[in-house]
Every structure is written in structure tokens, then in C-alpha cells.
Amino acid sequence: MSQQDIIRAWKDEKFRNSLSEDQRSQLPENPAGILDMSDESLETIFGGAVKTGAGTGGNCCTGDPDPTHTGNGTGGNCCD
């Protein structure tokens, strides 16, 4: 198997699933590791930060717990 096929198999699940069992067993381990996370873990992650509840993140001007509301300033600066 060529290096391009190995990389494609790591990145493209549909291509990887199209390989025979023997071909898949010969693939080296993906250097990025296992990319599978539980639904419970995924539900606690938002925009690269962990959701922690009211009073953290969000809009510091209003106390809004929604981390997508970043304030009135430009570039996410609060209260400018």
C-alpha cells in the first residue's frame, strides 16, 4: 500500500472501510491516535473550551452564561 493510500485511509473513513480486512490489518497506527470520543464527552465541549455553567465565560457585561455571546467590543473584547 502506498503512503498516499495509508494517509487517505487514516483520513477517509469511507475509503478505509472499502479496504479488505487484510489491508486494514496492515495499516500502521494513525499517529494522531484514536479520534473517537463518547457522546457524553462531546456534550461538555464547546468551541475548544469546556462548558462550566453560569457565571463563567459568556458576556461579562450581562452575566449571560452563553459562551457564544462575547461582549459588546470588537474581537470578543468585553464591555469596550
N, C-alpha and C. Protein backbone atom coordinates (compact mmCIF):
# COMPACT_ATOMS: atom_id res chain seq x y z
N MET A 1 0.85 -1.17 0.00
CA MET A 1 0.00 0.00 0.00
C MET A 1 0.91 1.24 0.00
N SER A 2 0.57 2.20 -0.84
CA SER A 2 1.39 3.41 -0.95
C SER A 2 1.18 4.32 0.26
N GLN A 3 2.10 5.26 0.46
CA GLN A 3 1.96 6.22 1.55
C GLN A 3 0.70 7.05 1.38
N GLN A 4 0.38 7.40 0.13
CA GLN A 4 -0.84 8.19 -0.12
C GLN A 4 -2.08 7.40 0.29
N ASP A 5 -2.10 6.08 0.01
CA ASP A 5 -3.24 5.26 0.40
C ASP A 5 -3.34 5.13 1.92
N ILE A 6 -2.21 5.02 2.59
CA ILE A 6 -2.21 4.92 4.05
C ILE A 6 -2.78 6.21 4.65
N ILE A 7 -2.29 7.34 4.18
CA ILE A 7 -2.78 8.62 4.70
C ILE A 7 -4.26 8.79 4.39
N ARG A 8 -4.66 8.42 3.19
CA ARG A 8 -6.08 8.52 2.83
C ARG A 8 -6.92 7.62 3.73
N ALA A 9 -6.42 6.43 4.03
CA ALA A 9 -7.16 5.51 4.90
C ALA A 9 -7.30 6.09 6.31
N TRP A 10 -6.27 6.80 6.78
CA TRP A 10 -6.35 7.44 8.10
C TRP A 10 -7.38 8.54 8.11
N LYS A 11 -7.49 9.31 7.02
CA LYS A 11 -8.34 10.49 6.97
C LYS A 11 -9.75 10.21 6.48
N ASP A 12 -9.91 9.22 5.62
CA ASP A 12 -11.18 8.99 4.92
C ASP A 12 -11.81 7.67 5.36
N GLU A 13 -12.79 7.76 6.24
CA GLU A 13 -13.42 6.56 6.79
C GLU A 13 -14.06 5.71 5.69
N LYS A 14 -14.69 6.35 4.71
CA LYS A 14 -15.33 5.61 3.62
C LYS A 14 -14.29 4.79 2.84
N PHE A 15 -13.14 5.42 2.55
CA PHE A 15 -12.06 4.70 1.86
C PHE A 15 -11.53 3.57 2.73
N ARG A 16 -11.30 3.86 4.02
CA ARG A 16 -10.79 2.85 4.94
C ARG A 16 -11.73 1.65 5.01
N ASN A 17 -13.02 1.91 5.05
CA ASN A 17 -14.00 0.82 5.11
C ASN A 17 -14.08 0.03 3.81
N SER A 18 -13.62 0.64 2.70
CA SER A 18 -13.64 -0.06 1.42
C SER A 18 -12.47 -1.04 1.28
N LEU A 19 -11.48 -0.92 2.17
CA LEU A 19 -10.32 -1.82 2.12
C LEU A 19 -10.71 -3.20 2.65
N SER A 20 -9.98 -4.19 2.19
CA SER A 20 -10.23 -5.55 2.69
C SER A 20 -9.76 -5.64 4.15
N GLU A 21 -10.22 -6.65 4.83
CA GLU A 21 -9.81 -6.88 6.22
C GLU A 21 -8.29 -6.99 6.32
N ASP A 22 -7.70 -7.70 5.36
CA ASP A 22 -6.25 -7.88 5.35
C ASP A 22 -5.53 -6.53 5.17
N GLN A 23 -6.03 -5.69 4.26
CA GLN A 23 -5.41 -4.38 4.04
C GLN A 23 -5.53 -3.50 5.29
N ARG A 24 -6.69 -3.53 5.93
CA ARG A 24 -6.88 -2.72 7.14
C ARG A 24 -5.96 -3.19 8.27
N SER A 25 -5.73 -4.51 8.35
CA SER A 25 -4.85 -5.02 9.41
C SER A 25 -3.39 -4.62 9.19
N GLN A 26 -3.04 -4.28 7.95
CA GLN A 26 -1.66 -3.89 7.65
C GLN A 26 -1.42 -2.38 7.78
N LEU A 27 -2.48 -1.63 8.03
CA LEU A 27 -2.31 -0.18 8.18
C LEU A 27 -1.55 0.12 9.47
N PRO A 28 -0.55 1.00 9.40
CA PRO A 28 0.11 1.42 10.63
C PRO A 28 -0.86 2.24 11.48
N GLU A 29 -0.60 2.31 12.78
CA GLU A 29 -1.46 3.09 13.66
C GLU A 29 -1.40 4.57 13.26
N ASN A 30 -2.54 5.20 13.29
CA ASN A 30 -2.63 6.62 12.96
C ASN A 30 -1.81 7.40 13.99
N PRO A 31 -0.87 8.24 13.57
CA PRO A 31 -0.05 8.98 14.52
C PRO A 31 -0.85 9.97 15.38
N ALA A 32 -2.04 10.34 14.93
CA ALA A 32 -2.88 11.23 15.72
C ALA A 32 -3.58 10.49 16.84
N GLY A 33 -3.52 9.17 16.81
CA GLY A 33 -4.18 8.37 17.83
C GLY A 33 -5.64 8.14 17.52
N ILE A 34 -6.33 7.59 18.48
CA ILE A 34 -7.76 7.32 18.32
C ILE A 34 -8.52 8.63 18.44
N LEU A 35 -9.39 8.89 17.50
CA LEU A 35 -10.13 10.15 17.46
C LEU A 35 -11.57 9.99 17.89
N ASP A 36 -11.87 8.91 18.59
CA ASP A 36 -13.24 8.61 18.99
C ASP A 36 -13.49 9.13 20.40
N MET A 37 -14.55 9.92 20.57
CA MET A 37 -14.93 10.42 21.88
C MET A 37 -16.37 10.02 22.16
N SER A 38 -16.68 9.82 23.43
CA SER A 38 -18.04 9.46 23.81
C SER A 38 -18.96 10.66 23.62
N ASP A 39 -20.24 10.40 23.45
CA ASP A 39 -21.23 11.46 23.32
C ASP A 39 -21.24 12.34 24.57
N GLU A 40 -21.04 11.71 25.74
CA GLU A 40 -21.03 12.47 26.99
C GLU A 40 -19.88 13.49 26.99
N SER A 41 -18.70 13.07 26.52
CA SER A 41 -17.56 13.99 26.46
C SER A 41 -17.82 15.11 25.47
N LEU A 42 -18.37 14.75 24.31
CA LEU A 42 -18.62 15.76 23.28
C LEU A 42 -19.64 16.79 23.73
N GLU A 43 -20.60 16.40 24.56
CA GLU A 43 -21.63 17.34 25.02
C GLU A 43 -21.06 18.39 25.97
N THR A 44 -19.90 18.14 26.58
CA THR A 44 -19.33 19.10 27.52
C THR A 44 -18.34 20.04 26.86
N ILE A 45 -18.06 19.84 25.58
CA ILE A 45 -17.07 20.65 24.89
C ILE A 45 -17.77 21.63 23.97
N PHE A 46 -17.34 22.88 24.00
CA PHE A 46 -17.94 23.91 23.16
C PHE A 46 -16.86 24.86 22.71
N GLY A 47 -16.57 24.89 21.42
CA GLY A 47 -15.61 25.84 20.88
C GLY A 47 -14.22 25.71 21.46
N GLY A 48 -13.82 24.50 21.79
CA GLY A 48 -12.49 24.28 22.33
C GLY A 48 -12.39 24.55 23.81
N ALA A 49 -13.48 24.89 24.45
CA ALA A 49 -13.49 25.12 25.89
C ALA A 49 -14.53 24.22 26.53
N VAL A 50 -14.35 23.90 27.77
CA VAL A 50 -15.30 23.07 28.48
C VAL A 50 -16.40 23.95 29.04
N LYS A 51 -17.67 23.53 28.82
CA LYS A 51 -18.79 24.27 29.38
C LYS A 51 -18.77 24.09 30.89
N THR A 52 -18.86 25.18 31.64
CA THR A 52 -18.83 25.08 33.09
C THR A 52 -20.08 25.63 33.76
N GLY A 53 -21.00 26.22 33.02
CA GLY A 53 -22.23 26.71 33.61
C GLY A 53 -22.26 28.22 33.78
N ALA A 54 -23.28 28.69 34.44
CA ALA A 54 -23.49 30.13 34.60
C ALA A 54 -22.36 30.77 35.40
N GLY A 55 -22.10 32.00 35.09
CA GLY A 55 -21.11 32.75 35.83
C GLY A 55 -19.71 32.65 35.26
N THR A 56 -19.50 31.82 34.27
CA THR A 56 -18.18 31.72 33.65
C THR A 56 -18.32 31.90 32.16
N GLY A 57 -17.34 32.49 31.54
CA GLY A 57 -17.40 32.72 30.10
C GLY A 57 -18.53 33.65 29.76
N GLY A 58 -19.04 33.52 28.57
CA GLY A 58 -20.19 34.32 28.17
C GLY A 58 -19.90 35.80 28.15
N ASN A 59 -20.95 36.56 28.30
CA ASN A 59 -20.87 38.02 28.21
C ASN A 59 -20.65 38.59 29.60
N CYS A 60 -19.45 39.12 29.86
CA CYS A 60 -19.13 39.63 31.20
C CYS A 60 -19.95 40.87 31.54
N CYS A 61 -20.50 41.52 30.53
CA CYS A 61 -21.28 42.74 30.80
C CYS A 61 -22.65 42.39 31.39
N THR A 62 -23.23 41.27 30.99
CA THR A 62 -24.58 40.95 31.42
C THR A 62 -24.65 39.70 32.28
N GLY A 63 -23.55 38.97 32.42
CA GLY A 63 -23.58 37.72 33.16
C GLY A 63 -24.19 36.59 32.36
N ASP A 64 -24.43 36.81 31.07
CA ASP A 64 -25.00 35.79 30.19
C ASP A 64 -24.08 34.58 30.17
N PRO A 65 -24.56 33.38 30.56
CA PRO A 65 -23.70 32.20 30.59
C PRO A 65 -23.40 31.62 29.20
N ASP A 66 -24.01 32.15 28.15
CA ASP A 66 -23.78 31.60 26.82
C ASP A 66 -22.41 32.04 26.32
N PRO A 67 -21.45 31.07 26.13
CA PRO A 67 -20.10 31.45 25.72
C PRO A 67 -20.01 31.99 24.30
N THR A 68 -21.11 31.92 23.52
CA THR A 68 -21.07 32.48 22.17
C THR A 68 -21.32 33.98 22.20
N HIS A 69 -21.81 34.51 23.31
CA HIS A 69 -22.03 35.94 23.46
C HIS A 69 -20.80 36.51 24.14
N THR A 70 -19.97 37.21 23.36
CA THR A 70 -18.65 37.58 23.87
C THR A 70 -18.54 39.03 24.32
N GLY A 71 -19.58 39.77 24.35
CA GLY A 71 -19.49 41.14 24.82
C GLY A 71 -19.78 42.15 23.72
N ASN A 72 -19.64 43.42 24.04
CA ASN A 72 -20.01 44.48 23.13
C ASN A 72 -18.85 44.98 22.31
N GLY A 73 -17.62 44.67 22.66
CA GLY A 73 -16.46 45.21 21.98
C GLY A 73 -16.16 44.47 20.70
N THR A 74 -15.08 44.87 20.07
CA THR A 74 -14.66 44.23 18.84
C THR A 74 -13.70 43.10 19.16
N GLY A 75 -13.70 42.06 18.34
CA GLY A 75 -12.79 40.94 18.55
C GLY A 75 -13.06 40.17 19.82
N GLY A 76 -14.28 40.23 20.35
CA GLY A 76 -14.62 39.50 21.54
C GLY A 76 -14.22 40.19 22.83
N ASN A 77 -13.82 41.47 22.77
CA ASN A 77 -13.46 42.19 23.99
C ASN A 77 -14.73 42.57 24.73
N CYS A 78 -14.76 42.30 26.03
CA CYS A 78 -15.95 42.62 26.82
C CYS A 78 -16.02 44.08 27.19
N CYS A 79 -17.19 44.65 27.09
CA CYS A 79 -17.54 45.95 27.63
C CYS A 79 -16.69 47.10 27.08
N ASP A 80 -16.20 46.98 25.86
CA ASP A 80 -15.43 48.08 25.27
C ASP A 80 -16.35 49.11 24.67
